[in-house]
Amino acid sequence: LVESMRERLDADATFEPGNKDLTNVVGYGHLGDGNLHLNVTTREFDPDVFSQIEPYIFERVSSMKGSISAEHGVGRAKAEYLHMSKSENTVQLMRAMKQLLDPNGVMNPYKMFPAD
């Protein structure tokens, strides 16, 4: 995954060889349980780099039968991609569990599921 992301960013026409704006692409985390965190760094936010990462990363993870989220949940920014790694039945089960454990919606409100 790290190598394919490096190749993708290097191959993009917006990046010239030796471009110092893209500083690093690394993977780290707790691989023993299958969780890889991808970190792409630039000197400052660059929408061109960001557009090369998403949704590609979610498509790639989905093709590998992975999950876009691990122990921390999906979050607002990634909710629209949840369907790429979880079936509709699984999402409904997750919603039911959330409702059971947090009936008042006070734990991380609006931060787990895509809008209905």
C-alpha atoms as a PDB file:
ATOM      1  CA  LEU A   1       0.000   0.000   0.000  1.00  0.00           C
ATOM      2  CA  VAL A   2       2.808   2.411   0.899  1.00  0.00           C
ATOM      3  CA  GLU A   3       4.728   1.594  -2.270  1.00  0.00           C
ATOM      4  CA  SER A   4       1.641   1.930  -4.470  1.00  0.00           C
ATOM      5  CA  MET A   5       0.881   5.327  -2.912  1.00  0.00           C
ATOM      6  CA  ARG A   6       4.466   6.472  -3.494  1.00  0.00           C
ATOM      7  CA  GLU A   7       4.230   5.351  -7.113  1.00  0.00           C
ATOM      8  CA  ARG A   8       0.866   7.036  -7.558  1.00  0.00           C
ATOM      9  CA  LEU A   9       2.112  10.355  -6.216  1.00  0.00           C
ATOM     10  CA  ASP A  10       5.412  10.178  -8.117  1.00  0.00           C
ATOM     11  CA  ALA A  11       3.636   9.294 -11.372  1.00  0.00           C
ATOM     12  CA  ASP A  12       1.182  12.174 -11.149  1.00  0.00           C
ATOM     13  CA  ALA A  13       1.995  14.991 -13.567  1.00  0.00           C
ATOM     14  CA  THR A  14       1.708  17.578 -10.781  1.00  0.00           C
ATOM     15  CA  PHE A  15       4.846  16.168  -9.125  1.00  0.00           C
ATOM     16  CA  GLU A  16       8.231  16.736 -10.644  1.00  0.00           C
ATOM     17  CA  PRO A  17      11.228  14.582  -9.714  1.00  0.00           C
ATOM     18  CA  GLY A  18      12.869  15.955  -6.610  1.00  0.00           C
ATOM     19  CA  ASN A  19       9.803  18.008  -5.675  1.00  0.00           C
ATOM     20  CA  LYS A  20      10.367  18.955  -2.046  1.00  0.00           C
ATOM     21  CA  ASP A  21       6.699  19.761  -1.349  1.00  0.00           C
ATOM     22  CA  LEU A  22       5.902  16.057  -0.949  1.00  0.00           C
ATOM     23  CA  THR A  23       8.114  15.105   1.966  1.00  0.00           C
ATOM     24  CA  ASN A  24       7.238  11.503   2.857  1.00  0.00           C
ATOM     25  CA  VAL A  25       4.918   8.537   2.392  1.00  0.00           C
ATOM     26  CA  VAL A  26       5.171   5.983   5.196  1.00  0.00           C
ATOM     27  CA  GLY A  27       3.158   3.237   6.791  1.00  0.00           C
ATOM     28  CA  TYR A  28       3.204   2.536  10.499  1.00  0.00           C
ATOM     29  CA  GLY A  29       1.018   1.088  13.190  1.00  0.00           C
ATOM     30  CA  HIS A  30       0.179  -2.174  14.816  1.00  0.00           C
ATOM     31  CA  LEU A  31       0.478  -4.607  11.950  1.00  0.00           C
ATOM     32  CA  GLY A  32       0.053  -7.601  14.261  1.00  0.00           C
ATOM     33  CA  ASP A  33      -3.694  -7.007  14.202  1.00  0.00           C
ATOM     34  CA  GLY A  34      -3.734  -5.814  10.607  1.00  0.00           C
ATOM     35  CA  ASN A  35      -3.933  -2.071  11.219  1.00  0.00           C
ATOM     36  CA  LEU A  36      -1.755   0.046   8.987  1.00  0.00           C
ATOM     37  CA  HIS A  37      -1.740   3.808   9.230  1.00  0.00           C
ATOM     38  CA  LEU A  38      -0.721   5.616   6.067  1.00  0.00           C
ATOM     39  CA  ASN A  39       0.971   8.955   6.526  1.00  0.00           C
ATOM     40  CA  VAL A  40       1.600  11.274   3.568  1.00  0.00           C
ATOM     41  CA  THR A  41       3.354  14.497   4.495  1.00  0.00           C
ATOM     42  CA  THR A  42       3.810  17.741   2.618  1.00  0.00           C
ATOM     43  CA  ARG A  43       5.288  21.049   3.701  1.00  0.00           C
ATOM     44  CA  GLU A  44       1.776  22.528   3.703  1.00  0.00           C
ATOM     45  CA  PHE A  45      -1.706  21.342   2.773  1.00  0.00           C
ATOM     46  CA  ASP A  46      -1.877  20.683  -0.943  1.00  0.00           C
ATOM     47  CA  PRO A  47      -5.287  19.920  -2.481  1.00  0.00           C
ATOM     48  CA  ASP A  48      -3.586  18.260  -5.472  1.00  0.00           C
ATOM     49  CA  VAL A  49      -1.871  15.756  -3.193  1.00  0.00           C
ATOM     50  CA  PHE A  50      -5.064  15.217  -1.209  1.00  0.00           C
ATOM     51  CA  SER A  51      -7.047  14.512  -4.382  1.00  0.00           C
ATOM     52  CA  GLN A  52      -4.498  11.830  -5.318  1.00  0.00           C
ATOM     53  CA  ILE A  53      -4.983  10.116  -1.944  1.00  0.00           C
ATOM     54  CA  GLU A  54      -8.770  10.109  -1.553  1.00  0.00           C
ATOM     55  CA  PRO A  55     -10.786   8.210  -2.719  1.00  0.00           C
ATOM     56  CA  TYR A  56      -7.892   6.072  -4.104  1.00  0.00           C
ATOM     57  CA  ILE A  57      -6.886   4.857  -0.659  1.00  0.00           C
ATOM     58  CA  PHE A  58     -10.417   3.688   0.114  1.00  0.00           C
ATOM     59  CA  GLU A  59     -10.728   1.922  -3.239  1.00  0.00           C
ATOM     60  CA  ARG A  60      -7.395   0.190  -2.694  1.00  0.00           C
ATOM     61  CA  VAL A  61      -8.241  -0.887   0.860  1.00  0.00           C
ATOM     62  CA  SER A  62     -11.629  -2.163  -0.298  1.00  0.00           C
ATOM     63  CA  SER A  63     -10.019  -4.207  -3.088  1.00  0.00           C
ATOM     64  CA  MET A  64      -7.771  -5.807  -0.451  1.00  0.00           C
ATOM     65  CA  LYS A  65     -10.859  -6.636   1.690  1.00  0.00           C
ATOM     66  CA  GLY A  66      -9.616  -4.254   4.368  1.00  0.00           C
ATOM     67  CA  SER A  67     -11.446  -1.691   6.454  1.00  0.00           C
ATOM     68  CA  ILE A  68     -11.209   2.078   6.260  1.00  0.00           C
ATOM     69  CA  SER A  69     -11.427   2.286  10.001  1.00  0.00           C
ATOM     70  CA  ALA A  70      -9.992   0.425  12.914  1.00  0.00           C
ATOM     71  CA  GLU A  71     -10.436   0.920  16.617  1.00  0.00           C
ATOM     72  CA  HIS A  72     -11.223   4.637  16.525  1.00  0.00           C
ATOM     73  CA  GLY A  73     -14.313   4.617  14.332  1.00  0.00           C
ATOM     74  CA  VAL A  74     -14.913   6.268  10.995  1.00  0.00           C
ATOM     75  CA  GLY A  75     -15.381   9.942  11.823  1.00  0.00           C
ATOM     76  CA  ARG A  76     -17.279  12.585   9.888  1.00  0.00           C
ATOM     77  CA  ALA A  77     -14.769  12.949   7.075  1.00  0.00           C
ATOM     78  CA  LYS A  78     -14.757   9.263   6.162  1.00  0.00           C
ATOM     79  CA  ALA A  79     -18.394   8.311   6.743  1.00  0.00           C
ATOM     80  CA  GLU A  80     -19.239   8.478   3.037  1.00  0.00           C
ATOM     81  CA  TYR A  81     -16.674   5.735   2.355  1.00  0.00           C
ATOM     82  CA  LEU A  82     -17.945   3.274   4.970  1.00  0.00           C
ATOM     83  CA  HIS A  83     -19.857   1.316   2.316  1.00  0.00           C
ATOM     84  CA  MET A  84     -16.538   0.406   0.689  1.00  0.00           C
ATOM     85  CA  SER A  85     -15.558  -1.874   3.561  1.00  0.00           C
ATOM     86  CA  LYS A  86     -18.821  -2.649   5.370  1.00  0.00           C
ATOM     87  CA  SER A  87     -22.044  -4.119   4.011  1.00  0.00           C
ATOM     88  CA  GLU A  88     -25.357  -2.339   4.542  1.00  0.00           C
ATOM     89  CA  ASN A  89     -26.364  -5.079   6.992  1.00  0.00           C
ATOM     90  CA  THR A  90     -23.176  -4.526   8.982  1.00  0.00           C
ATOM     91  CA  VAL A  91     -23.762  -0.768   9.092  1.00  0.00           C
ATOM     92  CA  GLN A  92     -27.327  -1.349  10.294  1.00  0.00           C
ATOM     93  CA  LEU A  93     -26.022  -3.656  13.020  1.00  0.00           C
ATOM     94  CA  MET A  94     -23.472  -1.025  14.015  1.00  0.00           C
ATOM     95  CA  ARG A  95     -26.245   1.576  14.190  1.00  0.00           C
ATOM     96  CA  ALA A  96     -28.358  -0.729  16.375  1.00  0.00           C
ATOM     97  CA  MET A  97     -25.448  -1.363  18.733  1.00  0.00           C
ATOM     98  CA  LYS A  98     -24.723   2.365  18.957  1.00  0.00           C
ATOM     99  CA  GLN A  99     -28.401   3.008  19.778  1.00  0.00           C
ATOM    100  CA  LEU A 100     -28.378   0.277  22.418  1.00  0.00           C
ATOM    101  CA  LEU A 101     -25.197   1.513  24.100  1.00  0.00           C
ATOM    102  CA  ASP A 102     -25.842   5.235  23.636  1.00  0.00           C
ATOM    103  CA  PRO A 103     -29.609   5.828  23.426  1.00  0.00           C
ATOM    104  CA  ASN A 104     -29.231   9.570  24.060  1.00  0.00           C
ATOM    105  CA  GLY A 105     -26.572  10.013  21.385  1.00  0.00           C
ATOM    106  CA  VAL A 106     -24.101  11.760  23.677  1.00  0.00           C
ATOM    107  CA  MET A 107     -21.006   9.720  22.790  1.00  0.00           C
ATOM    108  CA  ASN A 108     -19.431  11.182  19.654  1.00  0.00           C
ATOM    109  CA  PRO A 109     -22.692  12.435  18.142  1.00  0.00           C
ATOM    110  CA  TYR A 110     -22.869  12.397  14.322  1.00  0.00           C
ATOM    111  CA  LYS A 111     -19.355  11.003  14.034  1.00  0.00           C
ATOM    112  CA  MET A 112     -19.814   7.400  13.036  1.00  0.00           C
ATOM    113  CA  PHE A 113     -22.336   6.797  10.282  1.00  0.00           C
ATOM    114  CA  PRO A 114     -23.135   8.370   6.950  1.00  0.00           C
ATOM    115  CA  ALA A 115     -26.257  10.499   6.829  1.00  0.00           C
ATOM    116  CA  ASP A 116     -29.455   8.588   6.167  1.00  0.00           C
END
